[in-house]
Amino acid sequence: MNELRRLKGLLPPELQSWVMVEKSIDVNPPLIRTEEIGADQVEIQIDLVKWEQFALDQRNLLFWHEVARIQNDTIPKEGWEMAALAIGLGGAVGELWVQDGLLLMLALALCGVAGYRLYQKNNGERTMKEAIEADEKAIAIATRFGYSLPNAYKSLGSALKTSIEITPKKRQRAKYEARLQALKRSASKAKAKMKAAREASGNAETIY
C-alpha cells in the first residue's frame, strides 16, 4: 500500500483530486489499467504482483503513461454501445415481425451508430497511435518531475523491454514492440535536436 501512496504522489497536482490509484482485484488482471468509474472520477488499477518485477524508474514511466492517457482523454468511457447494439438488433427483429418499415429503419440506424462507435474504440491503428502519443507525453511528465530527457527515454524504453520479456501473449508483445520502436525513433530525434542546440550554442560563444 506504500507503493500506491507513492504513485498517488506522482500524479500532477491538477489530477490528484479526481484520479484514484488502487490495487487491482480482478483475476489475472493487466499490469496497469485505467478506467472511468464515475462522471468525475478515474481509477488507475495496478497488479502489484507483476508491478514488483519492474525497477522504480520503470514503474514511474509506466504510471505516467497512464497519466498521459488521462490527460489526452483517451481512456475508455462508460460504454453505451453494446447496450445500444443489443436494443437495435432486438428492435430490428421485432419490427421485421410486425413489418413496420420506419421503426425498422430507426432500429438499423441505432445498430449502425453503435457498431461504428465500437469499431472506433477497438481500432488497432488508432489505439496504437494513442499509446505512442501517451508515451511521448509520459516523457514530458517525467522531465516535469525532475528526470533528464535521456534518463526519461531510457527508463521508459527499459520498462517496455521488460514488458515484452514477461508478456506471454504474442499480440500484446507486438504492441509493446511497436511502442518501443516508436520510442527509439523519438529518442533519436530528441538527441539530434539536443546536439544541434549545443552546436548552435557553441557557435554563439565563438562569435562573442
Protein backbone atom coordinates (compact mmCIF):
# COMPACT_ATOMS: atom_id res chain seq x y z
CA MET A 1 0.00 0.00 0.00
CA ASN A 2 3.02 2.27 0.44
CA GLU A 3 3.57 1.89 -3.30
CA LEU A 4 0.03 3.07 -4.05
CA ARG A 5 0.59 6.15 -1.86
CA ARG A 6 3.91 6.79 -3.62
CA LEU A 7 2.23 6.59 -7.02
CA LYS A 8 -0.54 8.91 -5.87
CA GLY A 9 2.23 11.44 -5.15
CA LEU A 10 3.40 11.13 -8.77
CA LEU A 11 0.11 12.49 -10.08
CA PRO A 12 0.31 16.06 -11.38
CA PRO A 13 -1.43 18.38 -8.88
CA GLU A 14 -4.32 19.07 -11.26
CA LEU A 15 -5.28 15.35 -11.26
CA GLN A 16 -4.89 14.48 -7.58
CA SER A 17 -8.45 15.33 -6.52
CA TRP A 18 -10.21 13.08 -9.04
CA VAL A 19 -7.78 10.30 -10.06
CA MET A 20 -7.60 7.28 -7.74
CA VAL A 21 -4.76 4.73 -7.57
CA GLU A 22 -5.86 1.29 -6.37
CA LYS A 23 -4.74 -2.34 -6.27
CA SER A 24 -6.41 -4.46 -8.95
CA ILE A 25 -8.71 -7.13 -7.51
CA ASP A 26 -9.51 -8.91 -10.80
CA VAL A 27 -8.38 -12.44 -11.60
CA ASN A 28 -5.25 -12.30 -13.79
CA PRO A 29 -5.51 -8.53 -14.39
CA PRO A 30 -3.28 -6.50 -16.73
CA LEU A 31 -0.21 -4.87 -15.20
CA ILE A 32 -1.86 -1.45 -15.14
CA ARG A 33 -5.26 -0.29 -16.32
CA THR A 34 -7.14 2.99 -16.25
CA GLU A 35 -10.90 3.32 -16.45
CA GLU A 36 -13.64 5.83 -15.77
CA ILE A 37 -15.58 4.89 -12.63
CA GLY A 38 -17.93 7.86 -12.50
CA ALA A 39 -18.78 11.12 -14.17
CA ASP A 40 -15.90 12.93 -12.44
CA GLN A 41 -13.61 10.14 -11.31
CA VAL A 42 -10.96 7.94 -12.91
CA GLU A 43 -9.17 4.96 -11.37
CA ILE A 44 -5.71 3.60 -12.17
CA GLN A 45 -5.56 -0.07 -11.17
CA ILE A 46 -2.21 -1.78 -10.51
CA ASP A 47 -1.41 -5.51 -10.35
CA LEU A 48 1.11 -5.20 -7.51
CA VAL A 49 2.50 -8.73 -8.02
CA LYS A 50 3.54 -8.02 -11.63
CA TRP A 51 4.44 -4.44 -10.69
CA GLU A 52 7.25 -5.66 -8.41
CA GLN A 53 9.09 -7.10 -11.43
CA PHE A 54 9.88 -3.55 -12.58
CA ALA A 55 12.53 -1.18 -11.25
CA LEU A 56 11.38 2.06 -9.62
CA ASP A 57 12.15 4.29 -12.62
CA GLN A 58 10.39 1.86 -14.94
CA ARG A 59 7.29 1.91 -12.73
CA ASN A 60 7.27 5.69 -12.74
CA LEU A 61 7.28 5.93 -16.53
CA LEU A 62 4.63 3.22 -16.95
CA PHE A 63 2.48 5.08 -14.43
CA TRP A 64 2.99 8.40 -16.21
CA HIS A 65 1.97 6.72 -19.47
CA GLU A 66 -1.44 6.13 -17.88
CA VAL A 67 -1.49 9.69 -16.54
CA ALA A 68 -0.81 10.90 -20.08
CA ARG A 69 -3.76 8.85 -21.38
CA ILE A 70 -5.99 10.58 -18.84
CA GLN A 71 -4.68 14.00 -19.88
CA ASN A 72 -5.14 13.11 -23.56
CA ASP A 73 -8.71 11.94 -22.81
CA THR A 74 -8.13 8.53 -24.44
CA ILE A 75 -9.25 6.23 -21.61
CA PRO A 76 -12.37 4.09 -22.14
CA LYS A 77 -15.59 5.84 -21.23
CA GLU A 78 -18.58 4.12 -19.69
CA GLY A 79 -19.87 2.38 -22.76
CA TRP A 80 -23.41 2.60 -24.07
CA GLU A 81 -22.56 1.00 -27.39
CA MET A 82 -23.12 -2.69 -26.50
CA ALA A 83 -26.46 -1.91 -24.87
CA ALA A 84 -27.50 0.20 -27.87
CA LEU A 85 -26.42 -2.54 -30.27
CA ALA A 86 -28.47 -5.13 -28.37
CA ILE A 87 -31.52 -2.82 -28.30
CA GLY A 88 -31.13 -2.04 -32.00
CA LEU A 89 -30.83 -5.70 -33.00
CA GLY A 90 -33.76 -6.66 -30.80
CA GLY A 91 -35.82 -3.83 -32.25
CA ALA A 92 -34.90 -4.79 -35.81
CA VAL A 93 -36.01 -8.38 -35.27
CA GLY A 94 -39.25 -7.18 -33.65
CA GLU A 95 -40.04 -4.74 -36.46
CA LEU A 96 -39.40 -7.41 -39.07
CA TRP A 97 -42.08 -9.43 -37.32
CA VAL A 98 -44.64 -6.60 -37.24
CA GLN A 99 -43.43 -5.19 -40.57
CA ASP A 100 -43.15 -1.52 -39.52
CA GLY A 101 -40.72 -0.04 -42.05
CA LEU A 102 -39.99 3.25 -40.25
CA LEU A 103 -39.25 1.64 -36.89
CA LEU A 104 -37.12 -0.98 -38.66
CA MET A 105 -35.02 1.79 -40.26
CA LEU A 106 -34.61 3.50 -36.86
CA ALA A 107 -33.52 0.23 -35.24
CA LEU A 108 -31.00 -0.43 -38.03
CA ALA A 109 -29.68 3.15 -37.73
CA LEU A 110 -29.13 2.62 -33.98
CA CYS A 111 -27.24 -0.60 -34.76
CA GLY A 112 -25.11 1.25 -37.30
CA VAL A 113 -24.15 4.08 -34.93
CA ALA A 114 -23.36 1.69 -32.07
CA GLY A 115 -21.38 -0.62 -34.35
CA TYR A 116 -19.32 2.26 -35.74
CA ARG A 117 -18.52 3.52 -32.23
CA LEU A 118 -17.41 0.02 -31.21
CA TYR A 119 -15.23 -0.19 -34.32
CA GLN A 120 -13.62 3.15 -33.44
CA LYS A 121 -12.95 2.02 -29.86
CA ASN A 122 -11.29 -1.22 -30.96
CA ASN A 123 -9.42 0.11 -33.99
CA GLY A 124 -5.88 -1.20 -33.55
CA GLU A 125 -4.20 1.56 -35.56
CA ARG A 126 -5.96 4.27 -33.58
CA THR A 127 -5.22 2.71 -30.17
CA MET A 128 -1.54 2.30 -31.09
CA LYS A 129 -1.34 5.96 -32.15
CA GLU A 130 -2.87 6.97 -28.83
CA ALA A 131 -0.40 4.74 -26.92
CA ILE A 132 2.58 6.28 -28.73
CA GLU A 133 1.27 9.79 -28.05
CA ALA A 134 0.89 8.85 -24.36
CA ASP A 135 4.50 7.62 -24.30
CA GLU A 136 5.64 10.99 -25.66
CA LYS A 137 3.64 12.82 -23.03
CA ALA A 138 4.92 10.49 -20.29
CA ILE A 139 8.45 11.61 -21.16
CA ALA A 140 7.36 15.24 -20.78
CA ILE A 141 5.74 14.50 -17.40
CA ALA A 142 8.93 12.76 -16.24
CA THR A 143 11.00 15.85 -17.04
CA ARG A 144 8.46 17.89 -15.06
CA PHE A 145 9.22 15.62 -12.08
CA GLY A 146 12.98 16.13 -12.38
CA TYR A 147 14.13 13.48 -14.90
CA SER A 148 16.62 14.46 -17.55
CA LEU A 149 15.33 13.84 -21.08
CA PRO A 150 17.83 10.99 -21.80
CA ASN A 151 17.00 9.27 -18.49
CA ALA A 152 13.26 9.56 -19.13
CA TYR A 153 13.66 7.87 -22.52
CA LYS A 154 15.96 5.23 -21.03
CA SER A 155 13.55 4.40 -18.19
CA LEU A 156 10.51 4.06 -20.43
CA GLY A 157 12.48 2.08 -23.02
CA SER A 158 13.70 -0.41 -20.40
CA ALA A 159 10.16 -0.67 -18.98
CA LEU A 160 8.83 -1.60 -22.43
CA LYS A 161 11.64 -4.16 -22.88
CA THR A 162 10.78 -5.76 -19.54
CA SER A 163 7.09 -5.79 -20.54
CA ILE A 164 7.99 -7.63 -23.74
CA GLU A 165 10.02 -10.21 -21.80
CA ILE A 166 7.29 -11.03 -19.26
CA THR A 167 4.25 -10.92 -21.57
CA PRO A 168 3.21 -14.39 -22.79
CA LYS A 169 0.61 -13.25 -25.33
CA LYS A 170 2.11 -12.63 -28.76
CA ARG A 171 -0.40 -9.92 -29.72
CA GLN A 172 0.27 -7.89 -26.57
CA ARG A 173 4.04 -8.31 -27.03
CA ALA A 174 3.73 -6.95 -30.56
CA LYS A 175 2.05 -3.80 -29.17
CA TYR A 176 4.91 -3.25 -26.71
CA GLU A 177 7.44 -3.84 -29.50
CA ALA A 178 5.72 -1.27 -31.74
CA ARG A 179 5.74 1.28 -28.90
CA LEU A 180 9.42 0.57 -28.25
CA GLN A 181 10.34 1.12 -31.90
CA ALA A 182 8.40 4.40 -31.95
CA LEU A 183 10.13 5.45 -28.71
CA LYS A 184 13.56 4.74 -30.23
CA ARG A 185 12.72 6.92 -33.21
CA SER A 186 11.53 9.69 -30.92
CA ALA A 187 14.68 9.42 -28.78
CA SER A 188 16.87 9.70 -31.89
CA LYS A 189 15.06 12.87 -32.96
CA ALA A 190 15.36 14.35 -29.46
CA LYS A 191 19.07 13.50 -29.37
CA ALA A 192 19.62 15.18 -32.74
CA LYS A 193 17.78 18.31 -31.54
CA MET A 194 19.88 18.47 -28.37
CA LYS A 195 23.07 18.07 -30.39
CA ALA A 196 22.03 20.83 -32.79
CA ALA A 197 21.17 23.11 -29.87
CA ARG A 198 24.59 22.51 -28.26
CA GLU A 199 26.37 23.20 -31.54
CA ALA A 200 24.37 26.41 -32.04
CA SER A 201 25.24 27.49 -28.50
CA GLY A 202 28.91 26.75 -29.10
CA ASN A 203 28.90 28.79 -32.31
CA ALA A 204 27.30 31.73 -30.49
CA GLU A 205 30.00 31.65 -27.81
CA THR A 206 32.71 31.63 -30.51
CA ILE A 207 31.19 34.70 -32.18
CA TYR A 208 31.15 36.65 -28.93
